[in-house]
Amino acid sequence: MMENVIEIRNLTKSYGKARGIIDVSLQVKKGDIFGFLGPNGAGKSTTIRSMLGFLRPNAGTVTILGLDSRKDHEKILAKVGYMPSEAWFYDTMRVSDVIKYAADIRRMDCSEEAGILCERLKMDTRKKIKELSLGNRKKVSIVCAMQHKPDIFIFDEPTSGLDPLMQRTFFELIREYTDHGATCLLSTHVLSEVNRYCKTAAIMREGRLTMLDSPAIDEDAFIRFYEDEEETV
Protein backbone atom coordinates (compact mmCIF):
# COMPACT_ATOMS: atom_id res chain seq x y z
CA MET A 1 0.00 0.00 0.00
CA MET A 2 1.32 3.44 -0.91
CA GLU A 3 2.12 5.77 1.98
CA ASN A 4 0.26 8.98 2.69
CA VAL A 5 2.59 11.97 2.31
CA ILE A 6 -0.14 14.44 3.30
CA GLU A 7 -2.62 13.74 6.10
CA ILE A 8 -5.12 16.39 7.14
CA ARG A 9 -7.46 15.56 10.02
CA ASN A 10 -10.42 17.68 11.16
CA LEU A 11 -8.81 20.95 10.09
CA THR A 12 -10.82 24.04 11.02
CA LYS A 13 -9.94 27.70 10.46
CA SER A 14 -12.38 30.53 11.14
CA TYR A 15 -12.22 34.22 10.27
CA GLY A 16 -14.92 35.41 12.64
CA LYS A 17 -18.04 36.00 10.58
CA ALA A 18 -16.22 35.36 7.29
CA ARG A 19 -16.17 31.85 5.89
CA GLY A 20 -13.15 29.67 6.66
CA ILE A 21 -12.87 25.88 6.59
CA ILE A 22 -14.67 23.38 8.80
CA ASP A 23 -13.56 19.89 9.80
CA VAL A 24 -11.55 19.14 6.62
CA SER A 25 -9.92 15.69 6.44
CA LEU A 26 -8.08 14.21 3.48
CA GLN A 27 -5.05 12.10 2.59
CA VAL A 28 -2.72 12.31 -0.41
CA LYS A 29 -0.62 9.29 -1.33
CA LYS A 30 2.97 9.37 -2.57
CA GLY A 31 3.17 9.78 -6.35
CA ASP A 32 -0.41 11.03 -6.65
CA ILE A 33 -1.62 14.01 -8.67
CA PHE A 34 -4.40 15.10 -6.35
CA GLY A 35 -7.02 17.51 -7.63
CA PHE A 36 -8.32 19.93 -5.00
CA LEU A 37 -11.40 21.24 -6.72
CA GLY A 38 -14.05 23.83 -5.95
CA PRO A 39 -15.51 27.24 -6.79
CA ASN A 40 -13.57 30.37 -5.93
CA GLY A 41 -13.98 31.11 -2.23
CA ALA A 42 -14.77 27.51 -1.33
CA GLY A 43 -11.85 27.26 1.12
CA LYS A 44 -9.12 25.66 -0.98
CA SER A 45 -6.50 28.38 -0.41
CA THR A 46 -7.29 28.56 3.30
CA THR A 47 -6.77 24.81 3.56
CA ILE A 48 -3.43 25.02 1.76
CA ARG A 49 -2.16 27.99 3.79
CA SER A 50 -3.22 26.30 7.02
CA MET A 51 -1.55 23.02 6.12
CA LEU A 52 1.70 24.81 5.27
CA GLY A 53 1.71 26.81 8.48
CA PHE A 54 1.06 30.23 6.96
CA LEU A 55 -2.24 30.37 8.86
CA ARG A 56 -2.81 29.04 12.36
CA PRO A 57 -5.85 26.74 12.36
CA ASN A 58 -8.34 26.71 15.19
CA ALA A 59 -8.41 22.92 15.32
CA GLY A 60 -7.13 19.83 13.59
CA THR A 61 -3.76 18.34 12.65
CA VAL A 62 -1.66 18.23 9.49
CA THR A 63 1.18 15.82 8.80
CA ILE A 64 3.35 16.27 5.70
CA LEU A 65 6.05 13.70 4.90
CA GLY A 66 5.67 12.47 8.47
CA LEU A 67 6.33 15.94 9.90
CA ASP A 68 3.97 18.02 12.03
CA SER A 69 2.91 21.21 10.22
CA ARG A 70 3.26 23.35 13.35
CA LYS A 71 6.39 21.94 14.97
CA ASP A 72 8.29 21.22 11.74
CA HIS A 73 7.20 24.19 9.61
CA GLU A 74 10.66 25.00 8.21
CA LYS A 75 11.56 21.37 7.53
CA ILE A 76 8.33 20.94 5.58
CA LEU A 77 8.88 24.06 3.48
CA ALA A 78 12.33 22.75 2.53
CA LYS A 79 10.70 19.67 1.00
CA VAL A 80 7.73 21.41 -0.64
CA GLY A 81 7.41 23.50 -3.79
CA TYR A 82 4.52 25.90 -3.21
CA MET A 83 2.99 28.19 -5.80
CA PRO A 84 0.40 30.61 -4.38
CA SER A 85 -2.52 31.80 -6.48
CA GLU A 86 -1.13 35.35 -6.61
CA ALA A 87 2.09 35.77 -8.60
CA TRP A 88 3.63 38.73 -6.74
CA PHE A 89 7.23 39.79 -7.34
CA TYR A 90 9.26 42.99 -7.24
CA ASP A 91 8.40 44.72 -10.51
CA THR A 92 11.90 45.98 -11.21
CA MET A 93 13.64 42.61 -10.83
CA ARG A 94 14.54 40.57 -13.87
CA VAL A 95 13.08 37.09 -14.24
CA SER A 96 16.53 35.51 -13.89
CA ASP A 97 17.13 37.37 -10.62
CA VAL A 98 13.77 36.32 -9.15
CA ILE A 99 14.44 32.67 -9.96
CA LYS A 100 17.96 32.81 -8.53
CA TYR A 101 16.70 34.60 -5.42
CA ALA A 102 14.16 31.80 -4.83
CA ALA A 103 16.99 29.26 -5.05
CA ASP A 104 19.31 31.31 -2.83
CA ILE A 105 16.69 31.40 -0.07
CA ARG A 106 16.90 27.61 -0.04
CA ARG A 107 20.71 27.78 -0.18
CA MET A 108 20.70 25.66 -3.32
CA ASP A 109 22.15 25.89 -6.79
CA CYS A 110 19.12 25.20 -8.97
CA SER A 111 20.51 26.80 -12.13
CA GLU A 112 20.52 23.62 -14.21
CA GLU A 113 16.94 22.64 -13.44
CA ALA A 114 15.79 26.26 -13.71
CA GLY A 115 17.33 26.49 -17.17
CA ILE A 116 15.49 23.37 -18.30
CA LEU A 117 12.19 24.66 -16.91
CA CYS A 118 12.59 28.10 -18.49
CA GLU A 119 13.29 26.51 -21.85
CA ARG A 120 10.28 24.20 -21.62
CA LEU A 121 8.02 27.08 -20.57
CA LYS A 122 9.52 29.47 -23.15
CA MET A 123 10.55 32.05 -20.55
CA ASP A 124 12.53 35.15 -21.49
CA THR A 125 14.60 35.50 -18.33
CA ARG A 126 16.03 38.87 -19.37
CA LYS A 127 12.71 40.69 -18.99
CA LYS A 128 11.70 42.61 -15.90
CA ILE A 129 8.68 41.44 -13.96
CA LYS A 130 6.75 44.63 -14.78
CA GLU A 131 7.03 43.75 -18.48
CA LEU A 132 5.34 40.38 -18.07
CA SER A 133 1.75 39.34 -18.69
CA LEU A 134 -0.18 37.44 -16.02
CA GLY A 135 0.58 34.18 -17.79
CA ASN A 136 4.31 34.86 -17.84
CA ARG A 137 4.27 35.82 -14.17
CA LYS A 138 2.60 32.50 -13.50
CA LYS A 139 5.43 30.77 -15.34
CA VAL A 140 7.97 32.49 -13.10
CA SER A 141 6.06 31.14 -10.08
CA ILE A 142 6.06 27.66 -11.58
CA VAL A 143 9.83 27.71 -12.07
CA CYS A 144 10.39 28.98 -8.51
CA ALA A 145 8.23 26.16 -7.13
CA MET A 146 9.77 23.40 -9.24
CA GLN A 147 13.45 24.21 -9.65
CA HIS A 148 14.63 22.59 -6.40
CA LYS A 149 12.88 19.31 -7.32
CA PRO A 150 10.88 18.98 -4.09
CA ASP A 151 9.15 15.87 -2.78
CA ILE A 152 5.74 17.58 -2.90
CA PHE A 153 4.36 20.24 -5.23
CA ILE A 154 1.44 22.35 -4.05
CA PHE A 155 -0.07 24.57 -6.74
CA ASP A 156 -2.89 27.04 -6.11
CA GLU A 157 -4.68 27.92 -9.37
CA PRO A 158 -1.47 27.53 -11.44
CA THR A 159 -2.91 27.59 -14.97
CA SER A 160 -4.96 30.79 -14.90
CA GLY A 161 -3.43 33.07 -17.49
CA LEU A 162 -1.54 30.28 -19.28
CA ASP A 163 -2.37 29.63 -22.91
CA PRO A 164 -3.46 26.08 -23.87
CA LEU A 165 0.02 25.08 -25.07
CA MET A 166 1.64 26.18 -21.81
CA GLN A 167 -1.08 24.46 -19.80
CA ARG A 168 -0.25 21.22 -21.57
CA THR A 169 3.48 21.75 -20.98
CA PHE A 170 2.85 22.44 -17.31
CA PHE A 171 0.99 19.17 -16.84
CA GLU A 172 3.64 17.30 -18.79
CA LEU A 173 6.18 18.58 -16.29
CA ILE A 174 3.98 17.53 -13.37
CA ARG A 175 3.71 14.01 -14.78
CA GLU A 176 7.46 13.79 -15.31
CA TYR A 177 8.19 14.77 -11.72
CA THR A 178 5.55 12.46 -10.26
CA ASP A 179 6.83 9.60 -12.41
CA HIS A 180 10.11 10.06 -10.52
CA GLY A 181 8.46 9.89 -7.11
CA ALA A 182 7.17 13.38 -6.41
CA THR A 183 3.60 14.13 -5.32
CA CYS A 184 1.35 16.97 -6.46
CA LEU A 185 -1.65 18.68 -4.89
CA LEU A 186 -3.37 20.86 -7.47
CA SER A 187 -5.94 23.43 -6.36
CA THR A 188 -8.19 24.50 -9.22
CA HIS A 189 -11.74 25.42 -10.15
CA VAL A 190 -11.32 23.89 -13.63
CA LEU A 191 -13.05 20.50 -13.70
CA SER A 192 -11.51 19.44 -17.04
CA GLU A 193 -7.99 19.74 -15.58
CA VAL A 194 -8.85 17.40 -12.75
CA ASN A 195 -10.59 14.84 -14.94
CA ARG A 196 -7.79 14.86 -17.49
CA TYR A 197 -4.68 14.89 -15.32
CA CYS A 198 -5.45 13.98 -11.70
CA LYS A 199 -5.48 10.49 -10.26
CA THR A 200 -7.70 11.35 -7.28
CA ALA A 201 -9.66 14.42 -6.28
CA ALA A 202 -11.67 16.18 -3.59
CA ILE A 203 -14.32 18.87 -3.89
CA MET A 204 -14.60 21.79 -1.46
CA ARG A 205 -17.79 23.76 -1.01
CA GLU A 206 -18.61 26.45 1.55
CA GLY A 207 -15.54 25.58 3.59
CA ARG A 208 -16.29 21.88 3.81
CA LEU A 209 -14.94 18.86 1.99
CA THR A 210 -18.08 17.59 0.31
CA MET A 211 -16.90 14.83 -2.00
CA LEU A 212 -13.94 12.54 -2.59
CA ASP A 213 -13.85 10.90 -6.00
CA SER A 214 -11.42 8.84 -8.06
CA PRO A 215 -10.56 9.62 -10.73
CA ALA A 216 -13.37 11.36 -12.69
CA ILE A 217 -15.98 13.74 -11.30
CA ASP A 218 -19.35 14.06 -12.95
CA GLU A 219 -19.74 17.43 -14.67
CA ASP A 220 -23.42 17.85 -13.83
CA ALA A 221 -22.73 17.19 -10.14
CA PHE A 222 -19.93 19.74 -10.11
CA ILE A 223 -22.06 22.39 -11.82
CA ARG A 224 -24.66 21.90 -9.10
CA PHE A 225 -21.96 22.81 -6.58
CA TYR A 226 -21.43 26.08 -8.43
CA GLU A 227 -25.18 26.78 -8.63
CA ASP A 228 -25.73 26.02 -4.95
CA GLU A 229 -22.74 28.16 -3.99
CA GLU A 230 -24.04 31.14 -5.96
CA GLU A 231 -27.48 30.84 -4.35
CA THR A 232 -25.95 31.08 -0.86
CA VAL A 233 -23.84 34.18 -1.59
C-alpha atoms as a PDB file:
ATOM      1  CA  MET A   1       0.000   0.000   0.000  1.00  0.00           C
ATOM      2  CA  MET A   2       1.322   3.443  -0.913  1.00  0.00           C
ATOM      3  CA  GLU A   3       2.119   5.768   1.980  1.00  0.00           C
ATOM      4  CA  ASN A   4       0.256   8.982   2.687  1.00  0.00           C
ATOM      5  CA  VAL A   5       2.588  11.971   2.307  1.00  0.00           C
ATOM      6  CA  ILE A   6      -0.140  14.444   3.301  1.00  0.00           C
ATOM      7  CA  GLU A   7      -2.616  13.736   6.097  1.00  0.00           C
ATOM      8  CA  ILE A   8      -5.123  16.391   7.143  1.00  0.00           C
ATOM      9  CA  ARG A   9      -7.458  15.564  10.024  1.00  0.00           C
ATOM     10  CA  ASN A  10     -10.417  17.678  11.157  1.00  0.00           C
ATOM     11  CA  LEU A  11      -8.807  20.951  10.092  1.00  0.00           C
ATOM     12  CA  THR A  12     -10.823  24.044  11.019  1.00  0.00           C
ATOM     13  CA  LYS A  13      -9.938  27.696  10.461  1.00  0.00           C
ATOM     14  CA  SER A  14     -12.385  30.525  11.139  1.00  0.00           C
ATOM     15  CA  TYR A  15     -12.221  34.222  10.274  1.00  0.00           C
ATOM     16  CA  GLY A  16     -14.917  35.406  12.639  1.00  0.00           C
ATOM     17  CA  LYS A  17     -18.039  36.000  10.581  1.00  0.00           C
ATOM     18  CA  ALA A  18     -16.222  35.365   7.295  1.00  0.00           C
ATOM     19  CA  ARG A  19     -16.169  31.851   5.895  1.00  0.00           C
ATOM     20  CA  GLY A  20     -13.153  29.670   6.662  1.00  0.00           C
ATOM     21  CA  ILE A  21     -12.873  25.884   6.594  1.00  0.00           C
ATOM     22  CA  ILE A  22     -14.674  23.384   8.798  1.00  0.00           C
ATOM     23  CA  ASP A  23     -13.560  19.889   9.800  1.00  0.00           C
ATOM     24  CA  VAL A  24     -11.550  19.141   6.624  1.00  0.00           C
ATOM     25  CA  SER A  25      -9.915  15.695   6.444  1.00  0.00           C
ATOM     26  CA  LEU A  26      -8.076  14.212   3.475  1.00  0.00           C
ATOM     27  CA  GLN A  27      -5.054  12.104   2.589  1.00  0.00           C
ATOM     28  CA  VAL A  28      -2.724  12.308  -0.412  1.00  0.00           C
ATOM     29  CA  LYS A  29      -0.623   9.289  -1.333  1.00  0.00           C
ATOM     30  CA  LYS A  30       2.966   9.367  -2.569  1.00  0.00           C
ATOM     31  CA  GLY A  31       3.167   9.783  -6.348  1.00  0.00           C
ATOM     32  CA  ASP A  32      -0.412  11.031  -6.646  1.00  0.00           C
ATOM     33  CA  ILE A  33      -1.618  14.005  -8.670  1.00  0.00           C
ATOM     34  CA  PHE A  34      -4.398  15.104  -6.347  1.00  0.00           C
ATOM     35  CA  GLY A  35      -7.024  17.511  -7.634  1.00  0.00           C
ATOM     36  CA  PHE A  36      -8.320  19.931  -5.000  1.00  0.00           C
ATOM     37  CA  LEU A  37     -11.404  21.244  -6.716  1.00  0.00           C
ATOM     38  CA  GLY A  38     -14.048  23.827  -5.949  1.00  0.00           C
ATOM     39  CA  PRO A  39     -15.506  27.239  -6.789  1.00  0.00           C
ATOM     40  CA  ASN A  40     -13.568  30.372  -5.931  1.00  0.00           C
ATOM     41  CA  GLY A  41     -13.985  31.111  -2.231  1.00  0.00           C
ATOM     42  CA  ALA A  42     -14.768  27.513  -1.327  1.00  0.00           C
ATOM     43  CA  GLY A  43     -11.851  27.263   1.116  1.00  0.00           C
ATOM     44  CA  LYS A  44      -9.116  25.661  -0.983  1.00  0.00           C
ATOM     45  CA  SER A  45      -6.502  28.378  -0.410  1.00  0.00           C
ATOM     46  CA  THR A  46      -7.291  28.562   3.301  1.00  0.00           C
ATOM     47  CA  THR A  47      -6.769  24.806   3.562  1.00  0.00           C
ATOM     48  CA  ILE A  48      -3.427  25.021   1.760  1.00  0.00           C
ATOM     49  CA  ARG A  49      -2.163  27.985   3.789  1.00  0.00           C
ATOM     50  CA  SER A  50      -3.223  26.302   7.017  1.00  0.00           C
ATOM     51  CA  MET A  51      -1.555  23.019   6.119  1.00  0.00           C
ATOM     52  CA  LEU A  52       1.703  24.810   5.267  1.00  0.00           C
ATOM     53  CA  GLY A  53       1.710  26.806   8.476  1.00  0.00           C
ATOM     54  CA  PHE A  54       1.062  30.232   6.962  1.00  0.00           C
ATOM     55  CA  LEU A  55      -2.238  30.375   8.859  1.00  0.00           C
ATOM     56  CA  ARG A  56      -2.806  29.043  12.359  1.00  0.00           C
ATOM     57  CA  PRO A  57      -5.847  26.736  12.358  1.00  0.00           C
ATOM     58  CA  ASN A  58      -8.345  26.710  15.193  1.00  0.00           C
ATOM     59  CA  ALA A  59      -8.411  22.918  15.320  1.00  0.00           C
ATOM     60  CA  GLY A  60      -7.133  19.828  13.586  1.00  0.00           C
ATOM     61  CA  THR A  61      -3.761  18.344  12.650  1.00  0.00           C
ATOM     62  CA  VAL A  62      -1.657  18.235   9.489  1.00  0.00           C
ATOM     63  CA  THR A  63       1.183  15.821   8.800  1.00  0.00           C
ATOM     64  CA  ILE A  64       3.351  16.265   5.695  1.00  0.00           C
ATOM     65  CA  LEU A  65       6.050  13.701   4.903  1.00  0.00           C
ATOM     66  CA  GLY A  66       5.672  12.471   8.472  1.00  0.00           C
ATOM     67  CA  LEU A  67       6.325  15.940   9.897  1.00  0.00           C
ATOM     68  CA  ASP A  68       3.973  18.018  12.025  1.00  0.00           C
ATOM     69  CA  SER A  69       2.910  21.206  10.220  1.00  0.00           C
ATOM     70  CA  ARG A  70       3.263  23.348  13.346  1.00  0.00           C
ATOM     71  CA  LYS A  71       6.393  21.943  14.969  1.00  0.00           C
ATOM     72  CA  ASP A  72       8.290  21.220  11.736  1.00  0.00           C
ATOM     73  CA  HIS A  73       7.200  24.187   9.605  1.00  0.00           C
ATOM     74  CA  GLU A  74      10.657  25.005   8.212  1.00  0.00           C
ATOM     75  CA  LYS A  75      11.561  21.367   7.534  1.00  0.00           C
ATOM     76  CA  ILE A  76       8.331  20.940   5.580  1.00  0.00           C
ATOM     77  CA  LEU A  77       8.880  24.063   3.479  1.00  0.00           C
ATOM     78  CA  ALA A  78      12.326  22.755   2.528  1.00  0.00           C
ATOM     79  CA  LYS A  79      10.701  19.670   1.005  1.00  0.00           C
ATOM     80  CA  VAL A  80       7.730  21.406  -0.643  1.00  0.00           C
ATOM     81  CA  GLY A  81       7.406  23.502  -3.785  1.00  0.00           C
ATOM     82  CA  TYR A  82       4.524  25.904  -3.207  1.00  0.00           C
ATOM     83  CA  MET A  83       2.989  28.191  -5.804  1.00  0.00           C
ATOM     84  CA  PRO A  84       0.401  30.610  -4.375  1.00  0.00           C
ATOM     85  CA  SER A  85      -2.517  31.802  -6.477  1.00  0.00           C
ATOM     86  CA  GLU A  86      -1.128  35.348  -6.607  1.00  0.00           C
ATOM     87  CA  ALA A  87       2.094  35.765  -8.600  1.00  0.00           C
ATOM     88  CA  TRP A  88       3.632  38.732  -6.741  1.00  0.00           C
ATOM     89  CA  PHE A  89       7.229  39.795  -7.338  1.00  0.00           C
ATOM     90  CA  TYR A  90       9.264  42.994  -7.235  1.00  0.00           C
ATOM     91  CA  ASP A  91       8.398  44.721 -10.508  1.00  0.00           C
ATOM     92  CA  THR A  92      11.903  45.984 -11.213  1.00  0.00           C
ATOM     93  CA  MET A  93      13.639  42.608 -10.835  1.00  0.00           C
ATOM     94  CA  ARG A  94      14.537  40.570 -13.874  1.00  0.00           C
ATOM     95  CA  VAL A  95      13.082  37.091 -14.237  1.00  0.00           C
ATOM     96  CA  SER A  96      16.530  35.509 -13.887  1.00  0.00           C
ATOM     97  CA  ASP A  97      17.133  37.368 -10.618  1.00  0.00           C
ATOM     98  CA  VAL A  98      13.770  36.321  -9.153  1.00  0.00           C
ATOM     99  CA  ILE A  99      14.439  32.671  -9.962  1.00  0.00           C
ATOM    100  CA  LYS A 100      17.960  32.811  -8.526  1.00  0.00           C
ATOM    101  CA  TYR A 101      16.701  34.603  -5.424  1.00  0.00           C
ATOM    102  CA  ALA A 102      14.163  31.802  -4.827  1.00  0.00           C
ATOM    103  CA  ALA A 103      16.987  29.259  -5.045  1.00  0.00           C
ATOM    104  CA  ASP A 104      19.311  31.306  -2.834  1.00  0.00           C
ATOM    105  CA  ILE A 105      16.688  31.400  -0.073  1.00  0.00           C
ATOM    106  CA  ARG A 106      16.903  27.615  -0.039  1.00  0.00           C
ATOM    107  CA  ARG A 107      20.714  27.780  -0.180  1.00  0.00           C
ATOM    108  CA  MET A 108      20.697  25.660  -3.316  1.00  0.00           C
ATOM    109  CA  ASP A 109      22.153  25.893  -6.787  1.00  0.00           C
ATOM    110  CA  CYS A 110      19.121  25.195  -8.971  1.00  0.00           C
ATOM    111  CA  SER A 111      20.509  26.795 -12.133  1.00  0.00           C
ATOM    112  CA  GLU A 112      20.523  23.615 -14.208  1.00  0.00           C
ATOM    113  CA  GLU A 113      16.938  22.636 -13.436  1.00  0.00           C
ATOM    114  CA  ALA A 114      15.794  26.262 -13.709  1.00  0.00           C
ATOM    115  CA  GLY A 115      17.331  26.491 -17.170  1.00  0.00           C
ATOM    116  CA  ILE A 116      15.486  23.369 -18.297  1.00  0.00           C
ATOM    117  CA  LEU A 117      12.188  24.657 -16.912  1.00  0.00           C
ATOM    118  CA  CYS A 118      12.591  28.099 -18.489  1.00  0.00           C
ATOM    119  CA  GLU A 119      13.290  26.513 -21.854  1.00  0.00           C
ATOM    120  CA  ARG A 120      10.282  24.203 -21.617  1.00  0.00           C
ATOM    121  CA  LEU A 121       8.015  27.079 -20.574  1.00  0.00           C
ATOM    122  CA  LYS A 122       9.524  29.470 -23.148  1.00  0.00           C
ATOM    123  CA  MET A 123      10.550  32.049 -20.553  1.00  0.00           C
ATOM    124  CA  ASP A 124      12.532  35.150 -21.492  1.00  0.00           C
ATOM    125  CA  THR A 125      14.602  35.499 -18.325  1.00  0.00           C
ATOM    126  CA  ARG A 126      16.032  38.874 -19.368  1.00  0.00           C
ATOM    127  CA  LYS A 127      12.714  40.694 -18.988  1.00  0.00           C
ATOM    128  CA  LYS A 128      11.700  42.607 -15.897  1.00  0.00           C
ATOM    129  CA  ILE A 129       8.677  41.435 -13.955  1.00  0.00           C
ATOM    130  CA  LYS A 130       6.754  44.626 -14.777  1.00  0.00           C
ATOM    131  CA  GLU A 131       7.032  43.752 -18.484  1.00  0.00           C
ATOM    132  CA  LEU A 132       5.340  40.381 -18.068  1.00  0.00           C
ATOM    133  CA  SER A 133       1.752  39.344 -18.689  1.00  0.00           C
ATOM    134  CA  LEU A 134      -0.182  37.443 -16.016  1.00  0.00           C
ATOM    135  CA  GLY A 135       0.583  34.180 -17.794  1.00  0.00           C
ATOM    136  CA  ASN A 136       4.313  34.856 -17.841  1.00  0.00           C
ATOM    137  CA  ARG A 137       4.270  35.823 -14.167  1.00  0.00           C
ATOM    138  CA  LYS A 138       2.597  32.502 -13.499  1.00  0.00           C
ATOM    139  CA  LYS A 139       5.427  30.771 -15.340  1.00  0.00           C
ATOM    140  CA  VAL A 140       7.970  32.495 -13.103  1.00  0.00           C
ATOM    141  CA  SER A 141       6.063  31.140 -10.083  1.00  0.00           C
ATOM    142  CA  ILE A 142       6.057  27.662 -11.581  1.00  0.00           C
ATOM    143  CA  VAL A 143       9.831  27.710 -12.069  1.00  0.00           C
ATOM    144  CA  CYS A 144      10.391  28.983  -8.514  1.00  0.00           C
ATOM    145  CA  ALA A 145       8.226  26.158  -7.132  1.00  0.00           C
ATOM    146  CA  MET A 146       9.771  23.401  -9.237  1.00  0.00           C
ATOM    147  CA  GLN A 147      13.446  24.213  -9.652  1.00  0.00           C
ATOM    148  CA  HIS A 148      14.626  22.593  -6.400  1.00  0.00           C
ATOM    149  CA  LYS A 149      12.878  19.309  -7.315  1.00  0.00           C
ATOM    150  CA  PRO A 150      10.875  18.984  -4.087  1.00  0.00           C
ATOM    151  CA  ASP A 151       9.151  15.875  -2.780  1.00  0.00           C
ATOM    152  CA  ILE A 152       5.742  17.581  -2.896  1.00  0.00           C
ATOM    153  CA  PHE A 153       4.356  20.238  -5.232  1.00  0.00           C
ATOM    154  CA  ILE A 154       1.438  22.347  -4.045  1.00  0.00           C
ATOM    155  CA  PHE A 155      -0.066  24.566  -6.738  1.00  0.00           C
ATOM    156  CA  ASP A 156      -2.893  27.038  -6.110  1.00  0.00           C
ATOM    157  CA  GLU A 157      -4.683  27.923  -9.366  1.00  0.00           C
ATOM    158  CA  PRO A 158      -1.474  27.534 -11.437  1.00  0.00           C
ATOM    159  CA  THR A 159      -2.906  27.588 -14.966  1.00  0.00           C
ATOM    160  CA  SER A 160      -4.964  30.787 -14.903  1.00  0.00           C
ATOM    161  CA  GLY A 161      -3.425  33.069 -17.494  1.00  0.00           C
ATOM    162  CA  LEU A 162      -1.541  30.283 -19.283  1.00  0.00           C
ATOM    163  CA  ASP A 163      -2.374  29.634 -22.912  1.00  0.00           C
ATOM    164  CA  PRO A 164      -3.461  26.075 -23.866  1.00  0.00           C
ATOM    165  CA  LEU A 165       0.020  25.081 -25.071  1.00  0.00           C
ATOM    166  CA  MET A 166       1.641  26.179 -21.807  1.00  0.00           C
ATOM    167  CA  GLN A 167      -1.084  24.465 -19.801  1.00  0.00           C
ATOM    168  CA  ARG A 168      -0.252  21.218 -21.565  1.00  0.00           C
ATOM    169  CA  THR A 169       3.482  21.753 -20.980  1.00  0.00           C
ATOM    170  CA  PHE A 170       2.847  22.445 -17.309  1.00  0.00           C
ATOM    171  CA  PHE A 171       0.988  19.172 -16.835  1.00  0.00           C
ATOM    172  CA  GLU A 172       3.642  17.296 -18.792  1.00  0.00           C
ATOM    173  CA  LEU A 173       6.183  18.582 -16.291  1.00  0.00           C
ATOM    174  CA  ILE A 174       3.978  17.525 -13.375  1.00  0.00           C
ATOM    175  CA  ARG A 175       3.706  14.013 -14.782  1.00  0.00           C
ATOM    176  CA  GLU A 176       7.463  13.792 -15.309  1.00  0.00           C
ATOM    177  CA  TYR A 177       8.193  14.771 -11.718  1.00  0.00           C
ATOM    178  CA  THR A 178       5.553  12.462 -10.260  1.00  0.00           C
ATOM    179  CA  ASP A 179       6.830   9.603 -12.413  1.00  0.00           C
ATOM    180  CA  HIS A 180      10.109  10.058 -10.523  1.00  0.00           C
ATOM    181  CA  GLY A 181       8.455   9.888  -7.113  1.00  0.00           C
ATOM    182  CA  ALA A 182       7.168  13.384  -6.413  1.00  0.00           C
ATOM    183  CA  THR A 183       3.596  14.127  -5.318  1.00  0.00           C
ATOM    184  CA  CYS A 184       1.352  16.975  -6.461  1.00  0.00           C
ATOM    185  CA  LEU A 185      -1.646  18.682  -4.885  1.00  0.00           C
ATOM    186  CA  LEU A 186      -3.369  20.864  -7.466  1.00  0.00           C
ATOM    187  CA  SER A 187      -5.939  23.430  -6.361  1.00  0.00           C
ATOM    188  CA  THR A 188      -8.192  24.502  -9.218  1.00  0.00           C
ATOM    189  CA  HIS A 189     -11.742  25.417 -10.154  1.00  0.00           C
ATOM    190  CA  VAL A 190     -11.325  23.890 -13.626  1.00  0.00           C
ATOM    191  CA  LEU A 191     -13.049  20.505 -13.705  1.00  0.00           C
ATOM    192  CA  SER A 192     -11.507  19.445 -17.042  1.00  0.00           C
ATOM    193  CA  GLU A 193      -7.985  19.737 -15.581  1.00  0.00           C
ATOM    194  CA  VAL A 194      -8.848  17.399 -12.753  1.00  0.00           C
ATOM    195  CA  ASN A 195     -10.591  14.844 -14.937  1.00  0.00           C
ATOM    196  CA  ARG A 196      -7.791  14.860 -17.490  1.00  0.00           C
ATOM    197  CA  TYR A 197      -4.683  14.891 -15.317  1.00  0.00           C
ATOM    198  CA  CYS A 198      -5.450  13.976 -11.700  1.00  0.00           C
ATOM    199  CA  LYS A 199      -5.482  10.487 -10.259  1.00  0.00           C
ATOM    200  CA  THR A 200      -7.695  11.347  -7.283  1.00  0.00           C
ATOM    201  CA  ALA A 201      -9.656  14.417  -6.284  1.00  0.00           C
ATOM    202  CA  ALA A 202     -11.671  16.178  -3.591  1.00  0.00           C
ATOM    203  CA  ILE A 203     -14.322  18.875  -3.895  1.00  0.00           C
ATOM    204  CA  MET A 204     -14.599  21.787  -1.464  1.00  0.00           C
ATOM    205  CA  ARG A 205     -17.795  23.757  -1.008  1.00  0.00           C
ATOM    206  CA  GLU A 206     -18.607  26.449   1.552  1.00  0.00           C
ATOM    207  CA  GLY A 207     -15.538  25.575   3.595  1.00  0.00           C
ATOM    208  CA  ARG A 208     -16.287  21.882   3.814  1.00  0.00           C
ATOM    209  CA  LEU A 209     -14.936  18.857   1.987  1.00  0.00           C
ATOM    210  CA  THR A 210     -18.081  17.590   0.311  1.00  0.00           C
ATOM    211  CA  MET A 211     -16.902  14.827  -2.003  1.00  0.00           C
ATOM    212  CA  LEU A 212     -13.939  12.544  -2.594  1.00  0.00           C
ATOM    213  CA  ASP A 213     -13.845  10.903  -5.996  1.00  0.00           C
ATOM    214  CA  SER A 214     -11.416   8.839  -8.060  1.00  0.00           C
ATOM    215  CA  PRO A 215     -10.560   9.625 -10.733  1.00  0.00           C
ATOM    216  CA  ALA A 216     -13.372  11.360 -12.688  1.00  0.00           C
ATOM    217  CA  ILE A 217     -15.977  13.743 -11.302  1.00  0.00           C
ATOM    218  CA  ASP A 218     -19.354  14.060 -12.947  1.00  0.00           C
ATOM    219  CA  GLU A 219     -19.738  17.429 -14.672  1.00  0.00           C
ATOM    220  CA  ASP A 220     -23.419  17.853 -13.834  1.00  0.00           C
ATOM    221  CA  ALA A 221     -22.733  17.194 -10.144  1.00  0.00           C
ATOM    222  CA  PHE A 222     -19.932  19.736 -10.109  1.00  0.00           C
ATOM    223  CA  ILE A 223     -22.063  22.393 -11.823  1.00  0.00           C
ATOM    224  CA  ARG A 224     -24.663  21.898  -9.101  1.00  0.00           C
ATOM    225  CA  PHE A 225     -21.965  22.810  -6.583  1.00  0.00           C
ATOM    226  CA  TYR A 226     -21.435  26.083  -8.430  1.00  0.00           C
ATOM    227  CA  GLU A 227     -25.177  26.779  -8.627  1.00  0.00           C
ATOM    228  CA  ASP A 228     -25.725  26.019  -4.948  1.00  0.00           C
ATOM    229  CA  GLU A 229     -22.744  28.163  -3.987  1.00  0.00           C
ATOM    230  CA  GLU A 230     -24.042  31.139  -5.957  1.00  0.00           C
ATOM    231  CA  GLU A 231     -27.478  30.838  -4.354  1.00  0.00           C
ATOM    232  CA  THR A 232     -25.951  31.075  -0.857  1.00  0.00           C
ATOM    233  CA  VAL A 233     -23.842  34.181  -1.588  1.00  0.00           C
END
